Amino acid sequence: MKKILFVSHFSDLYGSNRSMESVVSYFKKQNVDVEILLPSQGPFYRELRDQNIKVSCFKYFYEAFYVKKKIKYLTLPLLWLYNIIVFPFLLLKIYRIKPDLIYLNSSVALSIFLIPKILRIKFIVHIREFMDEDFGAYCIFGRWFKKRAVLSGNKIIFVSQAVAK
């Protein structure tokens, strides 16, 4: 394995990012070239930089395929438009990183599932929770679409049997 690109949909230092940090540290100790892609420079970004781990940012609204029963979600069409416009630039950014493997630590970023297929890169997805039950967020294209996207990974890691089912 030459290079692994880890992708997270948020830049805070808790939950799945804490877990991903330990996976990144493990691979770095094994002399694997690792890089992390985040949407912004938050606490997780600073923590990674302090550990001399390559980290870059690209503003993208990973959660745009999910909706909650809140008024602010009426802005989703604007986020979709933004994502459509910048998607080729995100694709180019990942192409330039030249990863041999992409590791995504969440099912939130469903649009990222397209990139490994387009660039012909192996892809691991790590599913940790139920978006609908744990966060009250529903995939706008339904469970079938979400399931199909998740199952498109070369490998899938589930935190439990309940999540896998």
C-alpha atoms as a PDB file:
ATOM      1  CA  MET A   1       0.000   0.000   0.000  1.00  0.00           C
ATOM      2  CA  LYS A   2       1.532   3.280  -1.095  1.00  0.00           C
ATOM      3  CA  LYS A   3      -0.955   5.972  -0.047  1.00  0.00           C
ATOM      4  CA  ILE A   4      -4.255   6.069   1.852  1.00  0.00           C
ATOM      5  CA  LEU A   5      -6.558   9.084   1.702  1.00  0.00           C
ATOM      6  CA  PHE A   6      -8.850   9.362   4.707  1.00  0.00           C
ATOM      7  CA  VAL A   7     -11.966  11.495   4.183  1.00  0.00           C
ATOM      8  CA  SER A   8     -14.107  12.955   6.952  1.00  0.00           C
ATOM      9  CA  HIS A   9     -17.278  14.991   6.553  1.00  0.00           C
ATOM     10  CA  PHE A  10     -16.552  17.215   9.579  1.00  0.00           C
ATOM     11  CA  SER A  11     -13.562  18.909  11.211  1.00  0.00           C
ATOM     12  CA  ASP A  12     -14.320  18.531  14.903  1.00  0.00           C
ATOM     13  CA  LEU A  13     -12.314  16.296  17.203  1.00  0.00           C
ATOM     14  CA  TYR A  14     -14.835  13.788  18.540  1.00  0.00           C
ATOM     15  CA  GLY A  15     -16.643  10.589  17.610  1.00  0.00           C
ATOM     16  CA  SER A  16     -15.605   8.996  14.358  1.00  0.00           C
ATOM     17  CA  ASN A  17     -12.737  11.436  13.845  1.00  0.00           C
ATOM     18  CA  ARG A  18     -11.149  10.325  17.139  1.00  0.00           C
ATOM     19  CA  SER A  19     -11.396   6.741  15.925  1.00  0.00           C
ATOM     20  CA  MET A  20     -10.030   7.646  12.502  1.00  0.00           C
ATOM     21  CA  GLU A  21      -7.117   9.426  14.149  1.00  0.00           C
ATOM     22  CA  SER A  22      -6.018   6.147  15.757  1.00  0.00           C
ATOM     23  CA  VAL A  23      -6.291   4.302  12.417  1.00  0.00           C
ATOM     24  CA  VAL A  24      -4.250   7.030  10.696  1.00  0.00           C
ATOM     25  CA  SER A  25      -1.592   6.875  13.443  1.00  0.00           C
ATOM     26  CA  TYR A  26      -1.364   3.093  13.061  1.00  0.00           C
ATOM     27  CA  PHE A  27      -0.767   3.296   9.309  1.00  0.00           C
ATOM     28  CA  LYS A  28       1.711   6.138   9.725  1.00  0.00           C
ATOM     29  CA  LYS A  29       3.715   3.970  12.161  1.00  0.00           C
ATOM     30  CA  GLN A  30       3.690   1.244   9.490  1.00  0.00           C
ATOM     31  CA  ASN A  31       5.353   3.747   7.111  1.00  0.00           C
ATOM     32  CA  VAL A  32       2.275   4.078   4.921  1.00  0.00           C
ATOM     33  CA  ASP A  33       1.830   7.480   3.294  1.00  0.00           C
ATOM     34  CA  VAL A  34      -1.403   8.896   4.739  1.00  0.00           C
ATOM     35  CA  GLU A  35      -3.330  12.078   4.080  1.00  0.00           C
ATOM     36  CA  ILE A  36      -6.639  13.344   5.416  1.00  0.00           C
ATOM     37  CA  LEU A  37      -9.198  15.443   3.567  1.00  0.00           C
ATOM     38  CA  LEU A  38     -11.486  17.632   5.684  1.00  0.00           C
ATOM     39  CA  PRO A  39     -14.129  20.242   4.807  1.00  0.00           C
ATOM     40  CA  SER A  40     -12.514  22.966   6.950  1.00  0.00           C
ATOM     41  CA  GLN A  41      -9.728  23.825   9.400  1.00  0.00           C
ATOM     42  CA  GLY A  42     -11.287  22.859  12.707  1.00  0.00           C
ATOM     43  CA  PRO A  43      -9.884  21.227  15.858  1.00  0.00           C
ATOM     44  CA  PHE A  44      -9.274  17.917  14.060  1.00  0.00           C
ATOM     45  CA  TYR A  45      -7.243  19.709  11.387  1.00  0.00           C
ATOM     46  CA  ARG A  46      -5.061  21.372  14.026  1.00  0.00           C
ATOM     47  CA  GLU A  47      -4.573  18.098  15.920  1.00  0.00           C
ATOM     48  CA  LEU A  48      -3.413  16.346  12.752  1.00  0.00           C
ATOM     49  CA  ARG A  49      -1.045  19.174  11.834  1.00  0.00           C
ATOM     50  CA  ASP A  50       0.444  19.007  15.351  1.00  0.00           C
ATOM     51  CA  GLN A  51       1.150  15.303  14.716  1.00  0.00           C
ATOM     52  CA  ASN A  52       2.817  16.090  11.352  1.00  0.00           C
ATOM     53  CA  ILE A  53       0.104  14.256   9.425  1.00  0.00           C
ATOM     54  CA  LYS A  54      -0.655  15.572   5.951  1.00  0.00           C
ATOM     55  CA  VAL A  55      -4.084  17.157   5.968  1.00  0.00           C
ATOM     56  CA  SER A  56      -5.857  19.267   3.384  1.00  0.00           C
ATOM     57  CA  CYS A  57      -9.216  20.966   3.180  1.00  0.00           C
ATOM     58  CA  PHE A  58     -11.869  21.260   0.527  1.00  0.00           C
ATOM     59  CA  LYS A  59     -15.187  22.972   1.239  1.00  0.00           C
ATOM     60  CA  TYR A  60     -17.927  20.541   0.310  1.00  0.00           C
ATOM     61  CA  PHE A  61     -21.322  19.885   1.874  1.00  0.00           C
ATOM     62  CA  TYR A  62     -21.092  16.149   2.470  1.00  0.00           C
ATOM     63  CA  GLU A  63     -24.402  16.015   4.341  1.00  0.00           C
ATOM     64  CA  ALA A  64     -26.427  17.338   1.380  1.00  0.00           C
ATOM     65  CA  PHE A  65     -28.024  13.922   0.766  1.00  0.00           C
ATOM     66  CA  TYR A  66     -29.635  13.955   4.216  1.00  0.00           C
ATOM     67  CA  VAL A  67     -32.530  15.930   5.580  1.00  0.00           C
ATOM     68  CA  LYS A  68     -33.965  16.500   9.039  1.00  0.00           C
ATOM     69  CA  LYS A  69     -37.347  17.903   9.952  1.00  0.00           C
ATOM     70  CA  LYS A  70     -36.006  21.424  10.504  1.00  0.00           C
ATOM     71  CA  ILE A  71     -36.582  24.682   8.641  1.00  0.00           C
ATOM     72  CA  LYS A  72     -32.885  25.158   7.808  1.00  0.00           C
ATOM     73  CA  TYR A  73     -33.037  22.135   5.486  1.00  0.00           C
ATOM     74  CA  LEU A  74     -35.025  24.202   3.004  1.00  0.00           C
ATOM     75  CA  THR A  75     -31.607  25.460   1.843  1.00  0.00           C
ATOM     76  CA  LEU A  76     -30.599  21.992   0.584  1.00  0.00           C
ATOM     77  CA  PRO A  77     -31.172  22.855  -3.105  1.00  0.00           C
ATOM     78  CA  LEU A  78     -28.546  25.617  -2.779  1.00  0.00           C
ATOM     79  CA  LEU A  79     -26.087  23.161  -1.238  1.00  0.00           C
ATOM     80  CA  TRP A  80     -26.756  20.671  -4.054  1.00  0.00           C
ATOM     81  CA  LEU A  81     -26.065  23.387  -6.614  1.00  0.00           C
ATOM     82  CA  TYR A  82     -22.812  24.306  -4.855  1.00  0.00           C
ATOM     83  CA  ASN A  83     -21.776  20.630  -4.667  1.00  0.00           C
ATOM     84  CA  ILE A  84     -22.534  20.061  -8.348  1.00  0.00           C
ATOM     85  CA  ILE A  85     -20.428  23.079  -9.312  1.00  0.00           C
ATOM     86  CA  VAL A  86     -17.413  22.144  -7.149  1.00  0.00           C
ATOM     87  CA  PHE A  87     -17.556  18.348  -7.603  1.00  0.00           C
ATOM     88  CA  PRO A  88     -15.129  18.370 -10.580  1.00  0.00           C
ATOM     89  CA  PHE A  89     -12.668  20.370  -8.453  1.00  0.00           C
ATOM     90  CA  LEU A  90     -13.004  17.885  -5.594  1.00  0.00           C
ATOM     91  CA  LEU A  91     -12.420  15.071  -8.077  1.00  0.00           C
ATOM     92  CA  LEU A  92      -9.319  16.852  -9.373  1.00  0.00           C
ATOM     93  CA  LYS A  93      -8.017  17.437  -5.839  1.00  0.00           C
ATOM     94  CA  ILE A  94      -8.310  13.742  -5.004  1.00  0.00           C
ATOM     95  CA  TYR A  95      -6.790  12.780  -8.353  1.00  0.00           C
ATOM     96  CA  ARG A  96      -3.761  14.987  -7.566  1.00  0.00           C
ATOM     97  CA  ILE A  97      -3.362  13.389  -4.123  1.00  0.00           C
ATOM     98  CA  LYS A  98      -3.010  10.055  -5.996  1.00  0.00           C
ATOM     99  CA  PRO A  99      -4.270   7.705  -3.292  1.00  0.00           C
ATOM    100  CA  ASP A 100      -4.183   3.938  -3.748  1.00  0.00           C
ATOM    101  CA  LEU A 101      -7.048   3.616  -1.278  1.00  0.00           C
ATOM    102  CA  ILE A 102      -9.770   5.942   0.015  1.00  0.00           C
ATOM    103  CA  TYR A 103     -11.102   5.398   3.536  1.00  0.00           C
ATOM    104  CA  LEU A 104     -14.378   7.116   4.417  1.00  0.00           C
ATOM    105  CA  ASN A 105     -15.416   7.085   8.066  1.00  0.00           C
ATOM    106  CA  SER A 106     -19.127   7.740   7.561  1.00  0.00           C
ATOM    107  CA  SER A 107     -22.104   7.015   5.353  1.00  0.00           C
ATOM    108  CA  VAL A 108     -23.032  10.713   5.413  1.00  0.00           C
ATOM    109  CA  ALA A 109     -20.812  11.594   2.460  1.00  0.00           C
ATOM    110  CA  LEU A 110     -22.730   9.614  -0.157  1.00  0.00           C
ATOM    111  CA  SER A 111     -21.416  11.755  -3.020  1.00  0.00           C
ATOM    112  CA  ILE A 112     -17.861  10.682  -2.140  1.00  0.00           C
ATOM    113  CA  PHE A 113     -18.875   7.128  -3.045  1.00  0.00           C
ATOM    114  CA  LEU A 114     -18.734   8.187  -6.723  1.00  0.00           C
ATOM    115  CA  ILE A 115     -15.116   9.322  -6.665  1.00  0.00           C
ATOM    116  CA  PRO A 116     -13.437   5.908  -6.255  1.00  0.00           C
ATOM    117  CA  LYS A 117     -15.570   4.562  -9.100  1.00  0.00           C
ATOM    118  CA  ILE A 118     -14.669   7.462 -11.403  1.00  0.00           C
ATOM    119  CA  LEU A 119     -10.954   7.402 -10.516  1.00  0.00           C
ATOM    120  CA  ARG A 120     -10.780   3.591 -10.228  1.00  0.00           C
ATOM    121  CA  ILE A 121      -9.412   3.662  -6.699  1.00  0.00           C
ATOM    122  CA  LYS A 122     -10.125   1.042  -4.037  1.00  0.00           C
ATOM    123  CA  PHE A 123     -12.511   2.211  -1.368  1.00  0.00           C
ATOM    124  CA  ILE A 124     -13.273   1.309   2.250  1.00  0.00           C
ATOM    125  CA  VAL A 125     -16.279   2.685   4.086  1.00  0.00           C
ATOM    126  CA  HIS A 126     -16.580   2.506   7.884  1.00  0.00           C
ATOM    127  CA  ILE A 127     -20.204   2.667   9.057  1.00  0.00           C
ATOM    128  CA  ARG A 128     -20.662   3.581  12.700  1.00  0.00           C
ATOM    129  CA  GLU A 129     -24.287   4.569  13.272  1.00  0.00           C
ATOM    130  CA  PHE A 130     -27.831   4.815  11.989  1.00  0.00           C
ATOM    131  CA  MET A 131     -28.353   8.285  10.541  1.00  0.00           C
ATOM    132  CA  ASP A 132     -32.129   8.065  10.932  1.00  0.00           C
ATOM    133  CA  GLU A 133     -32.234   6.510  14.403  1.00  0.00           C
ATOM    134  CA  ASP A 134     -29.196   8.224  15.927  1.00  0.00           C
ATOM    135  CA  PHE A 135     -29.437  11.658  14.327  1.00  0.00           C
ATOM    136  CA  GLY A 136     -32.959  11.896  12.905  1.00  0.00           C
ATOM    137  CA  ALA A 137     -31.509  12.431   9.407  1.00  0.00           C
ATOM    138  CA  TYR A 138     -32.982  10.665   6.385  1.00  0.00           C
ATOM    139  CA  CYS A 139     -31.373  10.045   3.012  1.00  0.00           C
ATOM    140  CA  ILE A 140     -33.361  12.059   0.463  1.00  0.00           C
ATOM    141  CA  PHE A 141     -33.157   9.212  -2.064  1.00  0.00           C
ATOM    142  CA  GLY A 142     -34.297   6.591   0.451  1.00  0.00           C
ATOM    143  CA  ARG A 143     -32.797   3.580   2.175  1.00  0.00           C
ATOM    144  CA  TRP A 144     -32.374   1.648  -1.078  1.00  0.00           C
ATOM    145  CA  PHE A 145     -30.065   4.339  -2.507  1.00  0.00           C
ATOM    146  CA  LYS A 146     -28.072   4.597   0.703  1.00  0.00           C
ATOM    147  CA  LYS A 147     -27.702   0.820   0.931  1.00  0.00           C
ATOM    148  CA  ARG A 148     -26.574   0.591  -2.681  1.00  0.00           C
ATOM    149  CA  ALA A 149     -24.000   3.371  -2.152  1.00  0.00           C
ATOM    150  CA  VAL A 150     -22.595   1.761   0.997  1.00  0.00           C
ATOM    151  CA  LEU A 151     -22.393  -1.657  -0.647  1.00  0.00           C
ATOM    152  CA  SER A 152     -20.404  -0.150  -3.524  1.00  0.00           C
ATOM    153  CA  GLY A 153     -17.304  -0.054  -1.321  1.00  0.00           C
ATOM    154  CA  ASN A 154     -14.562  -2.605  -1.931  1.00  0.00           C
ATOM    155  CA  LYS A 155     -14.625  -3.311   1.795  1.00  0.00           C
ATOM    156  CA  ILE A 156     -17.160  -2.282   4.419  1.00  0.00           C
ATOM    157  CA  ILE A 157     -16.503  -2.085   8.131  1.00  0.00           C
ATOM    158  CA  PHE A 158     -19.519  -2.034  10.447  1.00  0.00           C
ATOM    159  CA  VAL A 159     -19.176  -1.082  14.090  1.00  0.00           C
ATOM    160  CA  SER A 160     -21.725  -3.774  15.058  1.00  0.00           C
ATOM    161  CA  GLN A 161     -24.011  -6.482  13.703  1.00  0.00           C
ATOM    162  CA  ALA A 162     -27.004  -4.199  14.297  1.00  0.00           C
ATOM    163  CA  VAL A 163     -25.543  -1.520  12.025  1.00  0.00           C
ATOM    164  CA  ALA A 164     -24.621  -4.127   9.410  1.00  0.00           C
ATOM    165  CA  LYS A 165     -28.225  -5.355   9.272  1.00  0.00           C
END
